[in-house]
PDB file of N, CA and C in Angstrom:
ATOM      1  N   UNK A   1    -230.379 261.688-117.413  1.00  0.00           N
ATOM      2  CA  UNK A   1    -229.465 262.198-116.423  1.00  0.00           C
ATOM      3  C   UNK A   1    -230.165 262.855-115.278  1.00  0.00           C
ATOM      4  N   UNK A   2    -229.631 262.693-114.116  1.00  0.00           N
ATOM      5  CA  UNK A   2    -230.231 263.306-112.918  1.00  0.00           C
ATOM      6  C   UNK A   2    -230.067 264.816-112.969  1.00  0.00           C
ATOM      7  N   UNK A   3    -231.006 265.492-112.339  1.00  0.00           N
ATOM      8  CA  UNK A   3    -231.044 266.972-112.277  1.00  0.00           C
ATOM      9  C   UNK A   3    -230.901 267.401-110.828  1.00  0.00           C
ATOM     10  N   UNK A   4    -229.905 268.177-110.509  1.00  0.00           N
ATOM     11  CA  UNK A   4    -229.669 268.625-109.135  1.00  0.00           C
ATOM     12  C   UNK A   4    -229.982 270.117-109.057  1.00  0.00           C
ATOM     13  N   UNK A   5    -231.231 270.449-108.809  1.00  0.00           N
ATOM     14  CA  UNK A   5    -231.598 271.815-108.648  1.00  0.00           C
ATOM     15  C   UNK A   5    -231.333 272.662-109.849  1.00  0.00           C
ATOM     16  N   UNK A   6    -231.461 272.073-111.040  1.00  0.00           N
ATOM     17  CA  UNK A   6    -231.234 272.796-112.262  1.00  0.00           C
ATOM     18  C   UNK A   6    -229.820 272.641-112.841  1.00  0.00           C
ATOM     19  N   UNK A   7    -228.947 272.005-112.035  1.00  0.00           N
ATOM     20  CA  UNK A   7    -227.562 271.803-112.453  1.00  0.00           C
ATOM     21  C   UNK A   7    -227.378 270.352-112.834  1.00  0.00           C
ATOM     22  N   UNK A   8    -226.667 270.124-113.902  1.00  0.00           N
ATOM     23  CA  UNK A   8    -226.341 268.702-114.256  1.00  0.00           C
ATOM     24  C   UNK A   8    -225.142 268.274-113.392  1.00  0.00           C
ATOM     25  N   UNK A   9    -224.859 267.004-113.422  1.00  0.00           N
ATOM     26  CA  UNK A   9    -223.720 266.480-112.653  1.00  0.00           C
ATOM     27  C   UNK A   9    -222.416 267.051-113.140  1.00  0.00           C
ATOM     28  N   UNK A  10    -222.305 267.236-114.476  1.00  0.00           N
ATOM     29  CA  UNK A  10    -221.065 267.809-115.020  1.00  0.00           C
ATOM     30  C   UNK A  10    -220.887 269.250-114.586  1.00  0.00           C
ATOM     31  N   UNK A  11    -222.027 269.987-114.543  1.00  0.00           N
ATOM     32  CA  UNK A  11    -221.934 271.360-114.061  1.00  0.00           C
ATOM     33  C   UNK A  11    -221.543 271.455-112.589  1.00  0.00           C
ATOM     34  N   UNK A  12    -222.062 270.553-111.776  1.00  0.00           N
ATOM     35  CA  UNK A  12    -221.698 270.502-110.360  1.00  0.00           C
ATOM     36  C   UNK A  12    -220.179 270.217-110.193  1.00  0.00           C
ATOM     37  N   UNK A  13    -219.689 269.321-110.959  1.00  0.00           N
ATOM     38  CA  UNK A  13    -218.241 268.947-110.940  1.00  0.00           C
ATOM     39  C   UNK A  13    -217.437 270.215-111.326  1.00  0.00           C
ATOM     40  N   UNK A  14    -217.876 270.924-112.334  1.00  0.00           N
ATOM     41  CA  UNK A  14    -217.159 272.142-112.793  1.00  0.00           C
ATOM     42  C   UNK A  14    -217.179 273.233-111.752  1.00  0.00           C
ATOM     43  N   UNK A  15    -218.282 273.340-111.028  1.00  0.00           N
ATOM     44  CA  UNK A  15    -218.369 274.324-109.978  1.00  0.00           C
ATOM     45  C   UNK A  15    -217.326 274.075-108.901  1.00  0.00           C
ATOM     46  N   UNK A  16    -217.137 272.770-108.580  1.00  0.00           N
ATOM     47  CA  UNK A  16    -216.138 272.429-107.590  1.00  0.00           C
ATOM     48  C   UNK A  16    -214.747 272.851-108.070  1.00  0.00           C
ATOM     49  N   UNK A  17    -214.453 272.539-109.342  1.00  0.00           N
ATOM     50  CA  UNK A  17    -213.157 272.947-109.886  1.00  0.00           C
ATOM     51  C   UNK A  17    -212.944 274.470-109.869  1.00  0.00           C
ATOM     52  N   UNK A  18    -213.992 275.165-110.261  1.00  0.00           N
ATOM     53  CA  UNK A  18    -213.848 276.648-110.390  1.00  0.00           C
ATOM     54  C   UNK A  18    -213.712 277.318-108.988  1.00  0.00           C
ATOM     55  N   UNK A  19    -214.296 276.724-107.952  1.00  0.00           N
ATOM     56  CA  UNK A  19    -214.192 277.346-106.623  1.00  0.00           C
ATOM     57  C   UNK A  19    -212.832 277.104-105.973  1.00  0.00           C
ATOM     58  N   UNK A  20    -212.034 276.221-106.523  1.00  0.00           N
ATOM     59  CA  UNK A  20    -210.712 275.935-105.923  1.00  0.00           C
ATOM     60  C   UNK A  20    -209.899 277.221-105.802  1.00  0.00           C
ATOM     61  N   UNK A  21    -209.893 278.050-106.817  1.00  0.00           N
ATOM     62  CA  UNK A  21    -209.135 279.292-106.781  1.00  0.00           C
ATOM     63  C   UNK A  21    -209.610 280.206-105.685  1.00  0.00           C
ATOM     64  N   UNK A  22    -210.877 280.327-105.506  1.00  0.00           N
ATOM     65  CA  UNK A  22    -211.410 281.263-104.534  1.00  0.00           C
ATOM     66  C   UNK A  22    -211.500 280.708-103.140  1.00  0.00           C
ATOM     67  N   UNK A  23    -211.882 279.469-102.977  1.00  0.00           N
ATOM     68  CA  UNK A  23    -212.121 278.875-101.692  1.00  0.00           C
ATOM     69  C   UNK A  23    -210.868 278.174-101.112  1.00  0.00           C
ATOM     70  N   UNK A  24    -209.952 277.849-101.989  1.00  0.00           N
ATOM     71  CA  UNK A  24    -208.727 277.185-101.566  1.00  0.00           C
ATOM     72  C   UNK A  24    -208.837 275.640-101.815  1.00  0.00           C
ATOM     73  N   UNK A  25    -207.645 275.064-101.870  1.00  0.00           N
ATOM     74  CA  UNK A  25    -207.592 273.652-102.214  1.00  0.00           C
ATOM     75  C   UNK A  25    -208.223 272.761-101.177  1.00  0.00           C
ATOM     76  N   UNK A  26    -208.059 272.980 -99.863  1.00  0.00           N
ATOM     77  CA  UNK A  26    -208.680 272.125 -98.870  1.00  0.00           C
ATOM     78  C   UNK A  26    -210.224 272.164 -98.975  1.00  0.00           C
ATOM     79  N   UNK A  27    -210.781 273.325 -99.207  1.00  0.00           N
ATOM     80  CA  UNK A  27    -212.234 273.440 -99.320  1.00  0.00           C
ATOM     81  C   UNK A  27    -212.723 272.688-100.590  1.00  0.00           C
ATOM     82  N   UNK A  28    -211.981 272.785-101.680  1.00  0.00           N
ATOM     83  CA  UNK A  28    -212.348 272.077-102.908  1.00  0.00           C
ATOM     84  C   UNK A  28    -212.262 270.584-102.772  1.00  0.00           C
ATOM     85  N   UNK A  29    -211.294 270.130-102.016  1.00  0.00           N
ATOM     86  CA  UNK A  29    -211.198 268.680-101.759  1.00  0.00           C
ATOM     87  C   UNK A  29    -212.454 268.230-100.959  1.00  0.00           C
ATOM     88  N   UNK A  30    -212.810 269.011 -99.986  1.00  0.00           N
ATOM     89  CA  UNK A  30    -213.978 268.659 -99.170  1.00  0.00           C
ATOM     90  C   UNK A  30    -215.248 268.633-100.018  1.00  0.00           C
ATOM     91  N   UNK A  31    -215.361 269.638-100.937  1.00  0.00           N
ATOM     92  CA  UNK A  31    -216.543 269.724-101.797  1.00  0.00           C
ATOM     93  C   UNK A  31    -216.569 268.547-102.761  1.00  0.00           C
ATOM     94  N   UNK A  32    -215.411 268.191-103.317  1.00  0.00           N
ATOM     95  CA  UNK A  32    -215.346 267.042-104.201  1.00  0.00           C
ATOM     96  C   UNK A  32    -215.733 265.742-103.484  1.00  0.00           C
ATOM     97  N   UNK A  33    -215.311 265.606-102.264  1.00  0.00           N
ATOM     98  CA  UNK A  33    -215.640 264.449-101.457  1.00  0.00           C
ATOM     99  C   UNK A  33    -217.126 264.376-101.201  1.00  0.00           C
ATOM    100  N   UNK A  34    -217.740 265.517-100.891  1.00  0.00           N
ATOM    101  CA  UNK A  34    -219.163 265.574-100.665  1.00  0.00           C
ATOM    102  C   UNK A  34    -219.945 265.234-101.916  1.00  0.00           C
ATOM    103  N   UNK A  35    -219.468 265.710-103.038  1.00  0.00           N
ATOM    104  CA  UNK A  35    -220.099 265.412-104.335  1.00  0.00           C
ATOM    105  C   UNK A  35    -220.016 263.938-104.619  1.00  0.00           C
ATOM    106  N   UNK A  36    -218.873 263.316-104.356  1.00  0.00           N
ATOM    107  CA  UNK A  36    -218.713 261.870-104.484  1.00  0.00           C
ATOM    108  C   UNK A  36    -219.653 261.095-103.607  1.00  0.00           C
ATOM    109  N   UNK A  37    -219.827 261.549-102.378  1.00  0.00           N
ATOM    110  CA  UNK A  37    -220.777 260.894-101.474  1.00  0.00           C
ATOM    111  C   UNK A  37    -222.204 260.990-102.010  1.00  0.00           C
ATOM    112  N   UNK A  38    -222.537 262.118-102.579  1.00  0.00           N
ATOM    113  CA  UNK A  38    -223.876 262.344-103.120  1.00  0.00           C
ATOM    114  C   UNK A  38    -224.101 261.369-104.287  1.00  0.00           C
ATOM    115  N   UNK A  39    -223.148 261.283-105.202  1.00  0.00           N
ATOM    116  CA  UNK A  39    -223.244 260.367-106.319  1.00  0.00           C
ATOM    117  C   UNK A  39    -223.451 258.924-105.845  1.00  0.00           C
ATOM    118  N   UNK A  40    -222.681 258.529-104.842  1.00  0.00           N
ATOM    119  CA  UNK A  40    -222.790 257.201-104.294  1.00  0.00           C
ATOM    120  C   UNK A  40    -224.152 256.946-103.633  1.00  0.00           C
ATOM    121  N   UNK A  41    -224.591 257.954-102.894  1.00  0.00           N
ATOM    122  CA  UNK A  41    -225.945 257.850-102.234  1.00  0.00           C
ATOM    123  C   UNK A  41    -227.055 257.674-103.228  1.00  0.00           C
ATOM    124  N   UNK A  42    -226.947 258.382-104.327  1.00  0.00           N
ATOM    125  CA  UNK A  42    -228.024 258.325-105.374  1.00  0.00           C
ATOM    126  C   UNK A  42    -227.791 257.170-106.297  1.00  0.00           C
ATOM    127  N   UNK A  43    -226.687 256.424-106.109  1.00  0.00           N
ATOM    128  CA  UNK A  43    -226.355 255.236-106.916  1.00  0.00           C
ATOM    129  C   UNK A  43    -226.233 255.614-108.396  1.00  0.00           C
ATOM    130  N   UNK A  44    -225.511 256.690-108.677  1.00  0.00           N
ATOM    131  CA  UNK A  44    -225.302 257.113-110.079  1.00  0.00           C
ATOM    132  C   UNK A  44    -223.799 257.120-110.336  1.00  0.00           C
ATOM    133  N   UNK A  45    -223.478 256.907-111.582  1.00  0.00           N
ATOM    134  CA  UNK A  45    -222.051 256.899-111.955  1.00  0.00           C
ATOM    135  C   UNK A  45    -221.465 258.311-111.893  1.00  0.00           C
ATOM    136  N   UNK A  46    -220.255 258.414-111.370  1.00  0.00           N
ATOM    137  CA  UNK A  46    -219.581 259.687-111.343  1.00  0.00           C
ATOM    138  C   UNK A  46    -218.985 259.995-112.684  1.00  0.00           C
ATOM    139  N   UNK A  47    -219.102 261.240-113.059  1.00  0.00           N
ATOM    140  CA  UNK A  47    -218.464 261.644-114.379  1.00  0.00           C
ATOM    141  C   UNK A  47    -216.967 261.377-114.304  1.00  0.00           C
ATOM    142  N   UNK A  48    -216.380 260.947-115.427  1.00  0.00           N
ATOM    143  CA  UNK A  48    -214.986 260.701-115.506  1.00  0.00           C
ATOM    144  C   UNK A  48    -214.336 261.893-116.169  1.00  0.00           C
ATOM    145  N   UNK A  49    -213.243 262.364-115.609  1.00  0.00           N
ATOM    146  CA  UNK A  49    -212.509 263.500-116.188  1.00  0.00           C
ATOM    147  C   UNK A  49    -211.913 263.074-117.496  1.00  0.00           C
ATOM    148  N   UNK A  50    -211.928 264.011-118.416  1.00  0.00           N
ATOM    149  CA  UNK A  50    -211.413 263.709-119.785  1.00  0.00           C
ATOM    150  C   UNK A  50    -209.931 264.074-119.822  1.00  0.00           C
TER     151      UNK A  50
END
């Protein structure tokens, strides 16, 4: 699995979810979009929500 500055991809996804409460829904949507772009750029599979 790829390592993003000490964070796993699942941890990065969880960070986006947790910041929704504090940063607001629009900011969380932008962060999720950026994370998706990063996954695509690195050509790695995006984690699937359970």
